C-alpha atoms as a PDB file:
ATOM      1  CA  MET A   1      -0.110  -0.040  -0.016  1.00  0.00           C
ATOM      2  CA  ASP A   2       1.293   3.475  -0.875  1.00  0.00           C
ATOM      3  CA  ASP A   3       1.998   5.829   1.943  1.00  0.00           C
ATOM      4  CA  PRO A   4      -0.522   8.602   2.130  1.00  0.00           C
ATOM      5  CA  LYS A   5       0.710  11.948   0.909  1.00  0.00           C
ATOM      6  CA  PRO A   6       0.207  15.137   2.988  1.00  0.00           C
ATOM      7  CA  PRO A   7      -2.553  17.344   1.809  1.00  0.00           C
ATOM      8  CA  ARG A   8      -1.685  20.247  -0.435  1.00  0.00           C
ATOM      9  CA  ARG A   9      -2.575  23.737   0.177  1.00  0.00           C
ATOM     10  CA  ARG A  10      -4.461  25.998  -2.243  1.00  0.00           C
ATOM     11  CA  ILE A  11      -1.320  27.838  -3.432  1.00  0.00           C
ATOM     12  CA  ILE A  12       2.059  26.300  -3.852  1.00  0.00           C
ATOM     13  CA  PHE A  13       4.928  28.765  -4.463  1.00  0.00           C
ATOM     14  CA  MET A  14       8.483  27.574  -5.238  1.00  0.00           C
ATOM     15  CA  ALA A  15      11.396  30.018  -5.837  1.00  0.00           C
ATOM     16  CA  LYS A  16      14.932  30.035  -6.524  1.00  0.00           C
ATOM     17  CA  ILE A  17      16.460  33.452  -6.045  1.00  0.00           C
ATOM     18  CA  GLU A  18      20.116  34.290  -6.661  1.00  0.00           C
ATOM     19  CA  ALA A  19      21.619  37.603  -5.641  1.00  0.00           C
ATOM     20  CA  ASP A  20      25.019  39.231  -5.241  1.00  0.00           C
ATOM     21  CA  ASP A  21      24.332  40.444  -1.688  1.00  0.00           C
ATOM     22  CA  TRP A  22      21.526  40.666   0.889  1.00  0.00           C
ATOM     23  CA  LEU A  23      20.285  44.159  -0.184  1.00  0.00           C
ATOM     24  CA  ARG A  24      19.817  42.694  -3.728  1.00  0.00           C
ATOM     25  CA  LEU A  25      17.961  39.709  -2.292  1.00  0.00           C
ATOM     26  CA  GLU A  26      15.718  42.107  -0.211  1.00  0.00           C
ATOM     27  CA  ASP A  27      15.021  44.086  -3.357  1.00  0.00           C
ATOM     28  CA  GLU A  28      13.930  40.954  -5.339  1.00  0.00           C
ATOM     29  CA  LEU A  29      11.649  39.719  -2.475  1.00  0.00           C
ATOM     30  CA  THR A  30      10.191  43.127  -2.258  1.00  0.00           C
ATOM     31  CA  HIS A  31       9.631  43.198  -5.953  1.00  0.00           C
ATOM     32  CA  ILE A  32       7.758  39.756  -5.709  1.00  0.00           C
ATOM     33  CA  ALA A  33       5.609  40.944  -2.796  1.00  0.00           C
ATOM     34  CA  THR A  34       4.697  44.121  -4.809  1.00  0.00           C
ATOM     35  CA  GLU A  35       3.677  42.080  -7.793  1.00  0.00           C
ATOM     36  CA  ILE A  36       1.353  39.882  -5.564  1.00  0.00           C
ATOM     37  CA  ALA A  37      -0.010  43.140  -3.993  1.00  0.00           C
ATOM     38  CA  ARG A  38      -0.519  44.710  -7.464  1.00  0.00           C
ATOM     39  CA  HIS A  39      -2.101  41.679  -9.270  1.00  0.00           C
ATOM     40  CA  GLY A  40      -3.432  39.556  -6.418  1.00  0.00           C
ATOM     41  CA  LYS A  41      -1.355  36.685  -7.474  1.00  0.00           C
ATOM     42  CA  LEU A  42       1.812  35.794  -9.479  1.00  0.00           C
ATOM     43  CA  PRO A  43       1.895  34.049 -12.923  1.00  0.00           C
ATOM     44  CA  ALA A  44       2.212  30.234 -13.088  1.00  0.00           C
ATOM     45  CA  ASN A  45       5.906  30.671 -14.072  1.00  0.00           C
ATOM     46  CA  SER A  46       8.425  33.578 -13.951  1.00  0.00           C
ATOM     47  CA  ILE A  47      12.056  33.792 -14.826  1.00  0.00           C
ATOM     48  CA  SER A  48      13.829  37.011 -14.267  1.00  0.00           C
ATOM     49  CA  GLY A  49      17.610  37.690 -14.681  1.00  0.00           C
ATOM     50  CA  GLY A  50      19.398  40.909 -13.981  1.00  0.00           C
ATOM     51  CA  TYR A  51      22.796  42.257 -13.400  1.00  0.00           C
ATOM     52  CA  SER A  52      22.767  41.728  -9.547  1.00  0.00           C
ATOM     53  CA  CYS A  53      19.738  39.286  -8.936  1.00  0.00           C
ATOM     54  CA  GLY A  54      17.346  36.953 -10.699  1.00  0.00           C
ATOM     55  CA  HIS A  55      14.809  34.346  -9.890  1.00  0.00           C
ATOM     56  CA  ILE A  56      12.878  31.385 -11.169  1.00  0.00           C
ATOM     57  CA  ILE A  57       9.442  31.034  -9.677  1.00  0.00           C
ATOM     58  CA  VAL A  58       6.843  28.302 -10.224  1.00  0.00           C
ATOM     59  CA  THR A  59       3.420  28.612  -8.725  1.00  0.00           C
ATOM     60  CA  SER A  60       0.242  26.592  -8.915  1.00  0.00           C
ATOM     61  CA  GLU A  61      -3.216  27.162  -7.424  1.00  0.00           C
ATOM     62  CA  ASP A  62      -6.110  24.741  -6.876  1.00  0.00           C
ATOM     63  CA  GLY A  63      -9.199  26.832  -6.328  1.00  0.00           C
ATOM     64  CA  SER A  64     -11.133  23.919  -4.986  1.00  0.00           C
ATOM     65  CA  ILE A  65      -8.984  23.785  -1.802  1.00  0.00           C
ATOM     66  CA  ASP A  66     -10.042  25.961   1.100  1.00  0.00           C
ATOM     67  CA  HIS A  67      -8.478  26.155   4.600  1.00  0.00           C
ATOM     68  CA  ASP A  68     -11.054  24.181   6.308  1.00  0.00           C
ATOM     69  CA  GLY A  69     -10.942  21.276   3.669  1.00  0.00           C
ATOM     70  CA  TRP A  70      -7.092  21.351   3.980  1.00  0.00           C
ATOM     71  CA  ALA A  71      -7.263  21.130   7.749  1.00  0.00           C
ATOM     72  CA  LYS A  72      -9.665  18.170   7.771  1.00  0.00           C
ATOM     73  CA  GLU A  73      -7.357  16.394   5.358  1.00  0.00           C
ATOM     74  CA  LEU A  74      -4.284  17.159   7.377  1.00  0.00           C
ATOM     75  CA  ASP A  75      -6.027  15.776  10.479  1.00  0.00           C
ATOM     76  CA  THR A  76      -6.833  12.544   8.611  1.00  0.00           C
ATOM     77  CA  TYR A  77      -3.288  12.347   7.318  1.00  0.00           C
ATOM     78  CA  LEU A  78      -1.621  13.018  10.751  1.00  0.00           C
ATOM     79  CA  GLU A  79      -3.816  10.200  12.285  1.00  0.00           C
ATOM     80  CA  ALA A  80      -2.792   7.860   9.663  1.00  0.00           C
ATOM     81  CA  GLN A  81       0.839   8.582  10.400  1.00  0.00           C
ATOM     82  CA  ARG A  82       0.336   7.932  14.081  1.00  0.00           C
ATOM     83  CA  LEU A  83      -1.472   4.549  13.650  1.00  0.00           C
ATOM     84  CA  PRO A  84       1.532   2.541  12.349  1.00  0.00           C
ATOM     85  CA  GLN A  85       3.778   4.022  15.151  1.00  0.00           C
ATOM     86  CA  GLU A  86       1.316   3.024  17.930  1.00  0.00           C
ATOM     87  CA  SER A  87       0.961  -0.579  16.540  1.00  0.00           C
ATOM     88  CA  ASP A  88       4.701  -0.949  16.451  1.00  0.00           C
ATOM     89  CA  ASN A  89       4.909  -0.069  20.143  1.00  0.00           C
ATOM     90  CA  GLY A  90       2.111  -2.320  21.227  1.00  0.00           C
END
């Protein structure tokens, strides 16, 4: 039997950011936050390269997932994770 997978949240954001220094990294993170504030979301894919920093971003959104549904699935997943450990000890 396959191990159950943890539930996913509505939005998944994966980023690789490279910068020459911490100030450039801060600038890049601020830019990304500004884009979210301006547009309400990020595109599914974004690649940006500049002289002092750059990023690769991949996002996905599943609009069918809400917090309550995710929390219920998480409780079920965590309970399934506990059961094998309890039977090993008993």
